[in-house]
PDB file of N, CA and C in Angstrom:
ATOM      1  N   MET A   1       0.834  -1.189   0.000  1.00  0.00           N
ATOM      2  CA  MET A   1       0.000   0.000   0.000  1.00  0.00           C
ATOM      3  C   MET A   1       0.881   1.256   0.000  1.00  0.00           C
ATOM      4  N   MET A   2       1.841   1.338   0.918  1.00  0.00           N
ATOM      5  CA  MET A   2       2.720   2.496   1.014  1.00  0.00           C
ATOM      6  C   MET A   2       3.608   2.620  -0.232  1.00  0.00           C
ATOM      7  N   LEU A   3       4.084   1.491  -0.751  1.00  0.00           N
ATOM      8  CA  LEU A   3       4.942   1.495  -1.934  1.00  0.00           C
ATOM      9  C   LEU A   3       4.199   2.045  -3.146  1.00  0.00           C
ATOM     10  N   LYS A   4       2.939   1.680  -3.298  1.00  0.00           N
ATOM     11  CA  LYS A   4       2.135   2.168  -4.406  1.00  0.00           C
ATOM     12  C   LYS A   4       1.978   3.685  -4.324  1.00  0.00           C
ATOM     13  N   HIS A   5       1.768   4.203  -3.139  1.00  0.00           N
ATOM     14  CA  HIS A   5       1.621   5.642  -2.924  1.00  0.00           C
ATOM     15  C   HIS A   5       2.901   6.378  -3.319  1.00  0.00           C
ATOM     16  N   VAL A   6       4.038   5.841  -2.932  1.00  0.00           N
ATOM     17  CA  VAL A   6       5.324   6.461  -3.253  1.00  0.00           C
ATOM     18  C   VAL A   6       5.560   6.436  -4.762  1.00  0.00           C
ATOM     19  N   LEU A   7       5.235   5.314  -5.406  1.00  0.00           N
ATOM     20  CA  LEU A   7       5.410   5.207  -6.849  1.00  0.00           C
ATOM     21  C   LEU A   7       4.539   6.209  -7.594  1.00  0.00           C
ATOM     22  N   GLU A   8       3.303   6.371  -7.160  1.00  0.00           N
ATOM     23  CA  GLU A   8       2.421   7.352  -7.797  1.00  0.00           C
ATOM     24  C   GLU A   8       2.937   8.767  -7.585  1.00  0.00           C
ATOM     25  N   LYS A   9       3.440   9.019  -6.408  1.00  0.00           N
ATOM     26  CA  LYS A   9       3.931  10.342  -6.054  1.00  0.00           C
ATOM     27  C   LYS A   9       5.108  10.750  -6.937  1.00  0.00           C
ATOM     28  N   HIS A  10       5.952   9.802  -7.300  1.00  0.00           N
ATOM     29  CA  HIS A  10       7.153  10.103  -8.067  1.00  0.00           C
ATOM     30  C   HIS A  10       7.025   9.745  -9.547  1.00  0.00           C
ATOM     31  N   SER A  11       5.841   9.434 -10.001  1.00  0.00           N
ATOM     32  CA  SER A  11       5.674   9.002 -11.390  1.00  0.00           C
ATOM     33  C   SER A  11       5.891  10.141 -12.387  1.00  0.00           C
ATOM     34  N   HIS A  12       5.842  11.380 -11.935  1.00  0.00           N
ATOM     35  CA  HIS A  12       6.032  12.524 -12.826  1.00  0.00           C
ATOM     36  C   HIS A  12       7.498  12.858 -13.063  1.00  0.00           C
ATOM     37  N   ILE A  13       8.400  12.271 -12.328  1.00  0.00           N
ATOM     38  CA  ILE A  13       9.823  12.582 -12.444  1.00  0.00           C
ATOM     39  C   ILE A  13      10.315  12.215 -13.835  1.00  0.00           C
ATOM     40  N   GLY A  14      11.032  13.146 -14.439  1.00  0.00           N
ATOM     41  CA  GLY A  14      11.581  12.913 -15.771  1.00  0.00           C
ATOM     42  C   GLY A  14      10.641  13.296 -16.891  1.00  0.00           C
ATOM     43  N   LYS A  15       9.457  13.758 -16.578  1.00  0.00           N
ATOM     44  CA  LYS A  15       8.499  14.160 -17.601  1.00  0.00           C
ATOM     45  C   LYS A  15       8.624  15.667 -17.820  1.00  0.00           C
ATOM     46  N   GLY A  16       8.403  16.094 -19.045  1.00  0.00           N
ATOM     47  CA  GLY A  16       8.398  17.525 -19.339  1.00  0.00           C
ATOM     48  C   GLY A  16       9.769  18.063 -19.679  1.00  0.00           C
ATOM     49  N   ARG A  17       9.784  19.332 -20.090  1.00  0.00           N
ATOM     50  CA  ARG A  17      11.019  19.993 -20.501  1.00  0.00           C
ATOM     51  C   ARG A  17      11.894  20.328 -19.307  1.00  0.00           C
ATOM     52  N   ARG A  18      13.171  20.320 -19.548  1.00  0.00           N
ATOM     53  CA  ARG A  18      14.131  20.733 -18.525  1.00  0.00           C
ATOM     54  C   ARG A  18      14.328  22.245 -18.619  1.00  0.00           C
ATOM     55  N   LYS A  19      14.514  22.867 -17.502  1.00  0.00           N
ATOM     56  CA  LYS A  19      14.819  24.277 -17.460  1.00  0.00           C
ATOM     57  C   LYS A  19      16.324  24.432 -17.363  1.00  0.00           C
ATOM     58  N   HIS A  20      16.843  25.505 -17.932  1.00  0.00           N
ATOM     59  CA  HIS A  20      18.274  25.757 -17.820  1.00  0.00           C
ATOM     60  C   HIS A  20      18.613  26.102 -16.376  1.00  0.00           C
ATOM     61  N   ASN A  21      19.735  25.614 -15.903  1.00  0.00           N
ATOM     62  CA  ASN A  21      20.177  25.940 -14.551  1.00  0.00           C
ATOM     63  C   ASN A  21      20.761  27.347 -14.486  1.00  0.00           C
ATOM     64  N   ILE A  22      21.230  27.847 -15.611  1.00  0.00           N
ATOM     65  CA  ILE A  22      21.870  29.156 -15.655  1.00  0.00           C
ATOM     66  C   ILE A  22      20.850  30.170 -16.179  1.00  0.00           C
ATOM     67  N   LYS A  23      20.627  31.244 -15.416  1.00  0.00           N
ATOM     68  CA  LYS A  23      19.636  32.248 -15.796  1.00  0.00           C
ATOM     69  C   LYS A  23      19.939  32.852 -17.158  1.00  0.00           C
ATOM     70  N   LEU A  24      21.220  33.087 -17.450  1.00  0.00           N
ATOM     71  CA  LEU A  24      21.578  33.681 -18.733  1.00  0.00           C
ATOM     72  C   LEU A  24      21.186  32.742 -19.872  1.00  0.00           C
ATOM     73  N   ASN A  25      21.425  31.450 -19.709  1.00  0.00           N
ATOM     74  CA  ASN A  25      21.054  30.487 -20.755  1.00  0.00           C
ATOM     75  C   ASN A  25      19.545  30.451 -20.949  1.00  0.00           C
ATOM     76  N   ASN A  26      18.809  30.538 -19.871  1.00  0.00           N
ATOM     77  CA  ASN A  26      17.351  30.570 -19.955  1.00  0.00           C
ATOM     78  C   ASN A  26      16.895  31.816 -20.713  1.00  0.00           C
ATOM     79  N   PHE A  27      17.512  32.962 -20.400  1.00  0.00           N
ATOM     80  CA  PHE A  27      17.190  34.206 -21.102  1.00  0.00           C
ATOM     81  C   PHE A  27      17.512  34.078 -22.590  1.00  0.00           C
ATOM     82  N   ILE A  28      18.696  33.543 -22.921  1.00  0.00           N
ATOM     83  CA  ILE A  28      19.109  33.389 -24.317  1.00  0.00           C
ATOM     84  C   ILE A  28      18.139  32.482 -25.058  1.00  0.00           C
ATOM     85  N   ASP A  29      17.749  31.379 -24.448  1.00  0.00           N
ATOM     86  CA  ASP A  29      16.827  30.436 -25.070  1.00  0.00           C
ATOM     87  C   ASP A  29      15.500  31.121 -25.387  1.00  0.00           C
ATOM     88  N   ASN A  30      14.939  31.835 -24.429  1.00  0.00           N
ATOM     89  CA  ASN A  30      13.672  32.531 -24.635  1.00  0.00           C
ATOM     90  C   ASN A  30      13.804  33.650 -25.665  1.00  0.00           C
ATOM     91  N   PHE A  31      14.903  34.410 -25.610  1.00  0.00           N
ATOM     92  CA  PHE A  31      15.131  35.488 -26.571  1.00  0.00           C
ATOM     93  C   PHE A  31      15.250  34.919 -27.980  1.00  0.00           C
ATOM     94  N   ASP A  32      15.969  33.814 -28.120  1.00  0.00           N
ATOM     95  CA  ASP A  32      16.152  33.172 -29.419  1.00  0.00           C
ATOM     96  C   ASP A  32      14.813  32.707 -29.988  1.00  0.00           C
ATOM     97  N   LYS A  33      13.979  32.073 -29.149  1.00  0.00           N
ATOM     98  CA  LYS A  33      12.667  31.608 -29.611  1.00  0.00           C
ATOM     99  C   LYS A  33      11.802  32.783 -30.064  1.00  0.00           C
ATOM    100  N   ASP A  34      11.751  33.846 -29.259  1.00  0.00           N
ATOM    101  CA  ASP A  34      10.931  35.015 -29.606  1.00  0.00           C
ATOM    102  C   ASP A  34      11.458  35.732 -30.840  1.00  0.00           C
ATOM    103  N   PHE A  35      12.768  35.907 -30.911  1.00  0.00           N
ATOM    104  CA  PHE A  35      13.382  36.654 -32.012  1.00  0.00           C
ATOM    105  C   PHE A  35      13.282  35.883 -33.327  1.00  0.00           C
ATOM    106  N   SER A  36      13.352  34.563 -33.273  1.00  0.00           N
ATOM    107  CA  SER A  36      13.410  33.744 -34.485  1.00  0.00           C
ATOM    108  C   SER A  36      12.046  33.289 -34.995  1.00  0.00           C
ATOM    109  N   LYS A  37      10.988  33.413 -34.191  1.00  0.00           N
ATOM    110  CA  LYS A  37       9.728  32.763 -34.548  1.00  0.00           C
ATOM    111  C   LYS A  37       9.074  33.302 -35.811  1.00  0.00           C
ATOM    112  N   ASP A  38       9.170  34.586 -36.120  1.00  0.00           N
ATOM    113  CA  ASP A  38       8.512  35.149 -37.297  1.00  0.00           C
ATOM    114  C   ASP A  38       9.472  35.361 -38.468  1.00  0.00           C
ATOM    115  N   ARG A  39      10.645  34.810 -38.393  1.00  0.00           N
ATOM    116  CA  ARG A  39      11.643  34.990 -39.448  1.00  0.00           C
ATOM    117  C   ARG A  39      11.684  33.771 -40.358  1.00  0.00           C
ATOM    118  N   ILE A  40      11.985  34.028 -41.622  1.00  0.00           N
ATOM    119  CA  ILE A  40      12.101  32.938 -42.590  1.00  0.00           C
ATOM    120  C   ILE A  40      13.343  32.110 -42.291  1.00  0.00           C
ATOM    121  N   GLU A  41      14.453  32.802 -42.058  1.00  0.00           N
ATOM    122  CA  GLU A  41      15.710  32.114 -41.728  1.00  0.00           C
ATOM    123  C   GLU A  41      16.058  32.366 -40.267  1.00  0.00           C
ATOM    124  N   VAL A  42      16.561  31.343 -39.620  1.00  0.00           N
ATOM    125  CA  VAL A  42      17.008  31.483 -38.236  1.00  0.00           C
ATOM    126  C   VAL A  42      18.300  32.311 -38.250  1.00  0.00           C
ATOM    127  N   PRO A  43      18.384  33.344 -37.405  1.00  0.00           N
ATOM    128  CA  PRO A  43      19.596  34.164 -37.399  1.00  0.00           C
ATOM    129  C   PRO A  43      20.808  33.358 -36.933  1.00  0.00           C
ATOM    130  N   THR A  44      21.970  33.755 -37.419  1.00  0.00           N
ATOM    131  CA  THR A  44      23.203  33.089 -36.996  1.00  0.00           C
ATOM    132  C   THR A  44      23.432  33.387 -35.523  1.00  0.00           C
ATOM    133  N   PRO A  45      24.215  32.565 -34.840  1.00  0.00           N
ATOM    134  CA  PRO A  45      24.512  32.856 -33.434  1.00  0.00           C
ATOM    135  C   PRO A  45      25.152  34.235 -33.235  1.00  0.00           C
ATOM    136  N   ASN A  46      26.041  34.646 -34.156  1.00  0.00           N
ATOM    137  CA  ASN A  46      26.659  35.970 -34.035  1.00  0.00           C
ATOM    138  C   ASN A  46      25.626  37.078 -34.219  1.00  0.00           C
ATOM    139  N   GLY A  47      24.714  36.901 -35.177  1.00  0.00           N
ATOM    140  CA  GLY A  47      23.656  37.889 -35.398  1.00  0.00           C
ATOM    141  C   GLY A  47      22.722  37.979 -34.206  1.00  0.00           C
ATOM    142  N   LEU A  48      22.385  36.821 -33.643  1.00  0.00           N
ATOM    143  CA  LEU A  48      21.520  36.793 -32.465  1.00  0.00           C
ATOM    144  C   LEU A  48      22.206  37.477 -31.277  1.00  0.00           C
ATOM    145  N   ALA A  49      23.499  37.232 -31.122  1.00  0.00           N
ATOM    146  CA  ALA A  49      24.248  37.853 -30.016  1.00  0.00           C
ATOM    147  C   ALA A  49      24.229  39.377 -30.146  1.00  0.00           C
ATOM    148  N   LEU A  50      24.384  39.891 -31.372  1.00  0.00           N
ATOM    149  CA  LEU A  50      24.347  41.345 -31.568  1.00  0.00           C
ATOM    150  C   LEU A  50      22.971  41.920 -31.227  1.00  0.00           C
ATOM    151  N   GLU A  51      21.909  41.247 -31.678  1.00  0.00           N
ATOM    152  CA  GLU A  51      20.552  41.711 -31.372  1.00  0.00           C
ATOM    153  C   GLU A  51      20.272  41.646 -29.875  1.00  0.00           C
ATOM    154  N   MET A  52      20.744  40.585 -29.247  1.00  0.00           N
ATOM    155  CA  MET A  52      20.541  40.412 -27.812  1.00  0.00           C
ATOM    156  C   MET A  52      21.299  41.496 -27.035  1.00  0.00           C
ATOM    157  N   LYS A  53      22.504  41.798 -27.474  1.00  0.00           N
ATOM    158  CA  LYS A  53      23.320  42.838 -26.839  1.00  0.00           C
ATOM    159  C   LYS A  53      22.600  44.187 -26.913  1.00  0.00           C
ATOM    160  N   LYS A  54      22.027  44.504 -28.091  1.00  0.00           N
ATOM    161  CA  LYS A  54      21.276  45.761 -28.255  1.00  0.00           C
ATOM    162  C   LYS A  54      20.056  45.785 -27.347  1.00  0.00           C
ATOM    163  N   ASP A  55      19.312  44.689 -27.333  1.00  0.00           N
ATOM    164  CA  ASP A  55      18.104  44.613 -26.520  1.00  0.00           C
ATOM    165  C   ASP A  55      18.428  44.750 -25.033  1.00  0.00           C
ATOM    166  N   LEU A  56      19.467  44.057 -24.584  1.00  0.00           N
ATOM    167  CA  LEU A  56      19.843  44.141 -23.166  1.00  0.00           C
ATOM    168  C   LEU A  56      20.325  45.544 -22.800  1.00  0.00           C
ATOM    169  N   THR A  57      21.055  46.186 -23.692  1.00  0.00           N
ATOM    170  CA  THR A  57      21.547  47.542 -23.426  1.00  0.00           C
ATOM    171  C   THR A  57      20.381  48.511 -23.280  1.00  0.00           C
ATOM    172  N   ASN A  58      19.381  48.369 -24.152  1.00  0.00           N
ATOM    173  CA  ASN A  58      18.233  49.286 -24.124  1.00  0.00           C
ATOM    174  C   ASN A  58      17.232  48.962 -23.023  1.00  0.00           C
ATOM    175  N   ASN A  59      17.208  47.724 -22.541  1.00  0.00           N
ATOM    176  CA  ASN A  59      16.211  47.299 -21.549  1.00  0.00           C
ATOM    177  C   ASN A  59      16.853  46.669 -20.312  1.00  0.00           C
ATOM    178  N   LEU A  60      17.962  47.210 -19.888  1.00  0.00           N
ATOM    179  CA  LEU A  60      18.715  46.622 -18.778  1.00  0.00           C
ATOM    180  C   LEU A  60      17.888  46.518 -17.498  1.00  0.00           C
ATOM    181  N   GLU A  61      17.036  47.499 -17.246  1.00  0.00           N
ATOM    182  CA  GLU A  61      16.263  47.501 -15.998  1.00  0.00           C
ATOM    183  C   GLU A  61      15.230  46.371 -15.940  1.00  0.00           C
ATOM    184  N   LYS A  62      14.849  45.795 -17.088  1.00  0.00           N
ATOM    185  CA  LYS A  62      13.875  44.695 -17.106  1.00  0.00           C
ATOM    186  C   LYS A  62      14.467  43.379 -16.604  1.00  0.00           C
ATOM    187  N   HIS A  63      15.773  43.236 -16.693  1.00  0.00           N
ATOM    188  CA  HIS A  63      16.423  41.962 -16.372  1.00  0.00           C
ATOM    189  C   HIS A  63      17.277  42.138 -15.119  1.00  0.00           C
ATOM    190  N   ASN A  64      16.715  41.808 -13.973  1.00  0.00           N
ATOM    191  CA  ASN A  64      17.376  42.096 -12.702  1.00  0.00           C
ATOM    192  C   ASN A  64      18.606  41.248 -12.445  1.00  0.00           C
ATOM    193  N   PHE A  65      18.812  40.148 -13.159  1.00  0.00           N
ATOM    194  CA  PHE A  65      19.996  39.322 -12.918  1.00  0.00           C
ATOM    195  C   PHE A  65      21.205  39.805 -13.721  1.00  0.00           C
ATOM    196  N   ILE A  66      21.000  40.677 -14.715  1.00  0.00           N
ATOM    197  CA  ILE A  66      22.105  41.215 -15.505  1.00  0.00           C
ATOM    198  C   ILE A  66      22.723  42.385 -14.746  1.00  0.00           C
ATOM    199  N   ILE A  67      24.023  42.328 -14.537  1.00  0.00           N
ATOM    200  CA  ILE A  67      24.721  43.406 -13.837  1.00  0.00           C
ATOM    201  C   ILE A  67      25.236  44.433 -14.833  1.00  0.00           C
ATOM    202  N   GLU A  68      25.922  43.962 -15.865  1.00  0.00           N
ATOM    203  CA  GLU A  68      26.546  44.844 -16.843  1.00  0.00           C
ATOM    204  C   GLU A  68      26.518  44.144 -18.201  1.00  0.00           C
ATOM    205  N   VAL A  69      26.084  44.855 -19.238  1.00  0.00           N
ATOM    206  CA  VAL A  69      26.019  44.252 -20.564  1.00  0.00           C
ATOM    207  C   VAL A  69      27.403  44.232 -21.202  1.00  0.00           C
ATOM    208  N   VAL A  70      28.120  45.346 -21.107  1.00  0.00           N
ATOM    209  CA  VAL A  70      29.461  45.419 -21.675  1.00  0.00           C
ATOM    210  C   VAL A  70      30.384  46.083 -20.662  1.00  0.00           C
ATOM    211  N   ASP A  71      31.503  45.420 -20.370  1.00  0.00           N
ATOM    212  CA  ASP A  71      32.512  46.046 -19.527  1.00  0.00           C
ATOM    213  C   ASP A  71      33.745  46.321 -20.385  1.00  0.00           C
ATOM    214  N   GLU A  72      34.849  46.655 -19.764  1.00  0.00           N
ATOM    215  CA  GLU A  72      36.061  47.013 -20.520  1.00  0.00           C
ATOM    216  C   GLU A  72      36.602  45.847 -21.349  1.00  0.00           C
ATOM    217  N   ASN A  73      36.243  44.622 -21.010  1.00  0.00           N
ATOM    218  CA  ASN A  73      36.701  43.445 -21.761  1.00  0.00           C
ATOM    219  C   ASN A  73      35.649  42.926 -22.733  1.00  0.00           C
ATOM    220  N   ASP A  74      34.599  43.716 -22.997  1.00  0.00           N
ATOM    221  CA  ASP A  74      33.480  43.324 -23.861  1.00  0.00           C
ATOM    222  C   ASP A  74      32.839  42.032 -23.361  1.00  0.00           C
ATOM    223  N   CYS A  75      32.551  42.008 -22.069  1.00  0.00           N
ATOM    224  CA  CYS A  75      31.913  40.851 -21.425  1.00  0.00           C
ATOM    225  C   CYS A  75      30.548  41.240 -20.878  1.00  0.00           C
ATOM    226  N   ILE A  76      29.709  40.245 -20.688  1.00  0.00           N
ATOM    227  CA  ILE A  76      28.443  40.427 -19.994  1.00  0.00           C
ATOM    228  C   ILE A  76      28.612  39.841 -18.596  1.00  0.00           C
ATOM    229  N   LYS A  77      28.082  40.539 -17.598  1.00  0.00           N
ATOM    230  CA  LYS A  77      28.149  40.053 -16.221  1.00  0.00           C
ATOM    231  C   LYS A  77      26.733  39.866 -15.706  1.00  0.00           C
ATOM    232  N   TRP A  78      26.506  38.767 -14.997  1.00  0.00           N
ATOM    233  CA  TRP A  78      25.188  38.472 -14.449  1.00  0.00           C
ATOM    234  C   TRP A  78      25.327  37.740 -13.137  1.00  0.00           C
ATOM    235  N   ARG A  79      24.225  37.685 -12.389  1.00  0.00           N
ATOM    236  CA  ARG A  79      24.175  36.924 -11.138  1.00  0.00           C
ATOM    237  C   ARG A  79      23.514  35.588 -11.418  1.00  0.00           C
ATOM    238  N   ASP A  80      24.142  34.509 -10.937  1.00  0.00           N
ATOM    239  CA  ASP A  80      23.538  33.188 -11.105  1.00  0.00           C
ATOM    240  C   ASP A  80      22.487  32.979 -10.023  1.00  0.00           C
ATOM    241  N   ASP A  81      21.866  31.811 -10.015  1.00  0.00           N
ATOM    242  CA  ASP A  81      20.771  31.554  -9.069  1.00  0.00           C
ATOM    243  C   ASP A  81      21.230  31.514  -7.624  1.00  0.00           C
ATOM    244  N   LYS A  82      22.532  31.403  -7.379  1.00  0.00           N
ATOM    245  CA  LYS A  82      23.058  31.424  -6.013  1.00  0.00           C
ATOM    246  C   LYS A  82      23.543  32.808  -5.608  1.00  0.00           C
ATOM    247  N   GLY A  83      23.455  33.791  -6.532  1.00  0.00           N
ATOM    248  CA  GLY A  83      23.877  35.153  -6.232  1.00  0.00           C
ATOM    249  C   GLY A  83      25.315  35.456  -6.586  1.00  0.00           C
ATOM    250  N   ASN A  84      26.042  34.475  -7.124  1.00  0.00           N
ATOM    251  CA  ASN A  84      27.431  34.706  -7.512  1.00  0.00           C
ATOM    252  C   ASN A  84      27.489  35.450  -8.838  1.00  0.00           C
ATOM    253  N   ILE A  85      28.497  36.297  -8.988  1.00  0.00           N
ATOM    254  CA  ILE A  85      28.661  37.059 -10.222  1.00  0.00           C
ATOM    255  C   ILE A  85      29.433  36.213 -11.228  1.00  0.00           C
ATOM    256  N   GLN A  86      28.867  36.072 -12.416  1.00  0.00           N
ATOM    257  CA  GLN A  86      29.477  35.336 -13.521  1.00  0.00           C
ATOM    258  C   GLN A  86      29.730  36.306 -14.664  1.00  0.00           C
ATOM    259  N   SER A  87      30.666  35.958 -15.550  1.00  0.00           N
ATOM    260  CA  SER A  87      30.866  36.782 -16.734  1.00  0.00           C
ATOM    261  C   SER A  87      31.238  35.904 -17.917  1.00  0.00           C
ATOM    262  N   SER A  88      30.933  36.420 -19.099  1.00  0.00           N
ATOM    263  CA  SER A  88      31.234  35.705 -20.335  1.00  0.00           C
ATOM    264  C   SER A  88      31.483  36.736 -21.429  1.00  0.00           C
ATOM    265  N   ALA A  89      32.470  36.478 -22.275  1.00  0.00           N
ATOM    266  CA  ALA A  89      32.781  37.391 -23.380  1.00  0.00           C
ATOM    267  C   ALA A  89      31.684  37.319 -24.432  1.00  0.00           C
ATOM    268  N   TRP A  90      31.483  38.418 -25.159  1.00  0.00           N
ATOM    269  CA  TRP A  90      30.443  38.478 -26.179  1.00  0.00           C
ATOM    270  C   TRP A  90      30.838  37.775 -27.467  1.00  0.00           C
ATOM    271  N   GLY A  91      32.086  37.632 -27.753  1.00  0.00           N
ATOM    272  CA  GLY A  91      32.524  37.084 -29.035  1.00  0.00           C
ATOM    273  C   GLY A  91      32.268  35.601 -29.195  1.00  0.00           C
ATOM    274  N   GLU A  92      33.340  34.859 -29.365  1.00  0.00           N
ATOM    275  CA  GLU A  92      33.263  33.413 -29.602  1.00  0.00           C
ATOM    276  C   GLU A  92      32.575  32.652 -28.469  1.00  0.00           C
ATOM    277  N   PRO A  93      32.829  32.976 -27.189  1.00  0.00           N
ATOM    278  CA  PRO A  93      32.134  32.247 -26.117  1.00  0.00           C
ATOM    279  C   PRO A  93      30.612  32.388 -26.194  1.00  0.00           C
ATOM    280  N   MET A  94      30.109  33.565 -26.565  1.00  0.00           N
ATOM    281  CA  MET A  94      28.659  33.753 -26.659  1.00  0.00           C
ATOM    282  C   MET A  94      28.109  32.987 -27.859  1.00  0.00           C
ATOM    283  N   ARG A  95      28.836  32.979 -28.977  1.00  0.00           N
ATOM    284  CA  ARG A  95      28.406  32.217 -30.149  1.00  0.00           C
ATOM    285  C   ARG A  95      28.309  30.740 -29.806  1.00  0.00           C
ATOM    286  N   ALA A  96      29.316  30.226 -29.099  1.00  0.00           N
ATOM    287  CA  ALA A  96      29.322  28.820 -28.696  1.00  0.00           C
ATOM    288  C   ALA A  96      28.178  28.523 -27.726  1.00  0.00           C
ATOM    289  N   ARG A  97      27.906  29.451 -26.814  1.00  0.00           N
ATOM    290  CA  ARG A  97      26.818  29.280 -25.842  1.00  0.00           C
ATOM    291  C   ARG A  97      25.471  29.201 -26.563  1.00  0.00           C
ATOM    292  N   ILE A  98      25.240  30.091 -27.523  1.00  0.00           N
ATOM    293  CA  ILE A  98      23.991  30.097 -28.281  1.00  0.00           C
ATOM    294  C   ILE A  98      23.846  28.796 -29.064  1.00  0.00           C
ATOM    295  N   THR A  99      24.929  28.351 -29.694  1.00  0.00           N
ATOM    296  CA  THR A  99      24.909  27.099 -30.456  1.00  0.00           C
ATOM    297  C   THR A  99      24.566  25.918 -29.556  1.00  0.00           C
ATOM    298  N   ARG A 100      25.167  25.867 -28.367  1.00  0.00           N
ATOM    299  CA  ARG A 100      24.892  24.790 -27.399  1.00  0.00           C
ATOM    300  C   ARG A 100      23.434  24.798 -26.967  1.00  0.00           C
ATOM    301  N   ILE A 101      22.901  25.979 -26.692  1.00  0.00           N
ATOM    302  CA  ILE A 101      21.513  26.108 -26.240  1.00  0.00           C
ATOM    303  C   ILE A 101      20.561  25.643 -27.340  1.00  0.00           C
ATOM    304  N   ARG A 102      20.831  26.033 -28.574  1.00  0.00           N
ATOM    305  CA  ARG A 102      19.978  25.617 -29.696  1.00  0.00           C
ATOM    306  C   ARG A 102      20.041  24.113 -29.892  1.00  0.00           C
ATOM    307  N   LYS A 103      21.234  23.553 -29.791  1.00  0.00           N
ATOM    308  CA  LYS A 103      21.403  22.099 -29.961  1.00  0.00           C
ATOM    309  C   LYS A 103      20.645  21.351 -28.869  1.00  0.00           C
ATOM    310  N   LYS A 104      20.741  21.829 -27.638  1.00  0.00           N
ATOM    311  CA  LYS A 104      20.043  21.202 -26.517  1.00  0.00           C
ATOM    312  C   LYS A 104      18.532  21.263 -26.714  1.00  0.00           C
ATOM    313  N   ARG A 105      18.035  22.411 -27.191  1.00  0.00           N
ATOM    314  CA  ARG A 105      16.592  22.577 -27.415  1.00  0.00           C
ATOM    315  C   ARG A 105      16.115  21.636 -28.524  1.00  0.00           C
ATOM    316  N   ASN A 106      16.894  21.496 -29.585  1.00  0.00           N
ATOM    317  CA  ASN A 106      16.501  20.627 -30.700  1.00  0.00           C
ATOM    318  C   ASN A 106      16.550  19.147 -30.331  1.00  0.00           C
ATOM    319  N   ASN A 107      17.351  18.780 -29.342  1.00  0.00           N
ATOM    320  CA  ASN A 107      17.458  17.387 -28.926  1.00  0.00           C
ATOM    321  C   ASN A 107      16.376  16.978 -27.947  1.00  0.00           C
ATOM    322  N   GLN A 108      15.627  17.926 -27.403  1.00  0.00           N
ATOM    323  CA  GLN A 108      14.591  17.578 -26.409  1.00  0.00           C
ATOM    324  C   GLN A 108      13.326  17.139 -27.065  1.00  0.00           C
TER     325      GLN A 108
END
């Protein structure tokens, strides 16, 4: 009786989409979906990064986890879910991050 209850309780585990653990990746995924949905061609990762950089610069106050869009090293700084400050360069690292996020989304 108790075992059946536990099995029913945990039967939902593993169902549904996974959420990104990193807030920035979650933001990029959502921005990519919104930005790409009405376009004939999916923008390149570099093109998406430029559009995202413009959007974040103009709407910084909307995204409370973003600390700085561009610093002296052309990096973006944000707070992760634990409150630690993270940073990533806008160039090749951002292109690779976007590519990884798209690949992960297509594999789900």
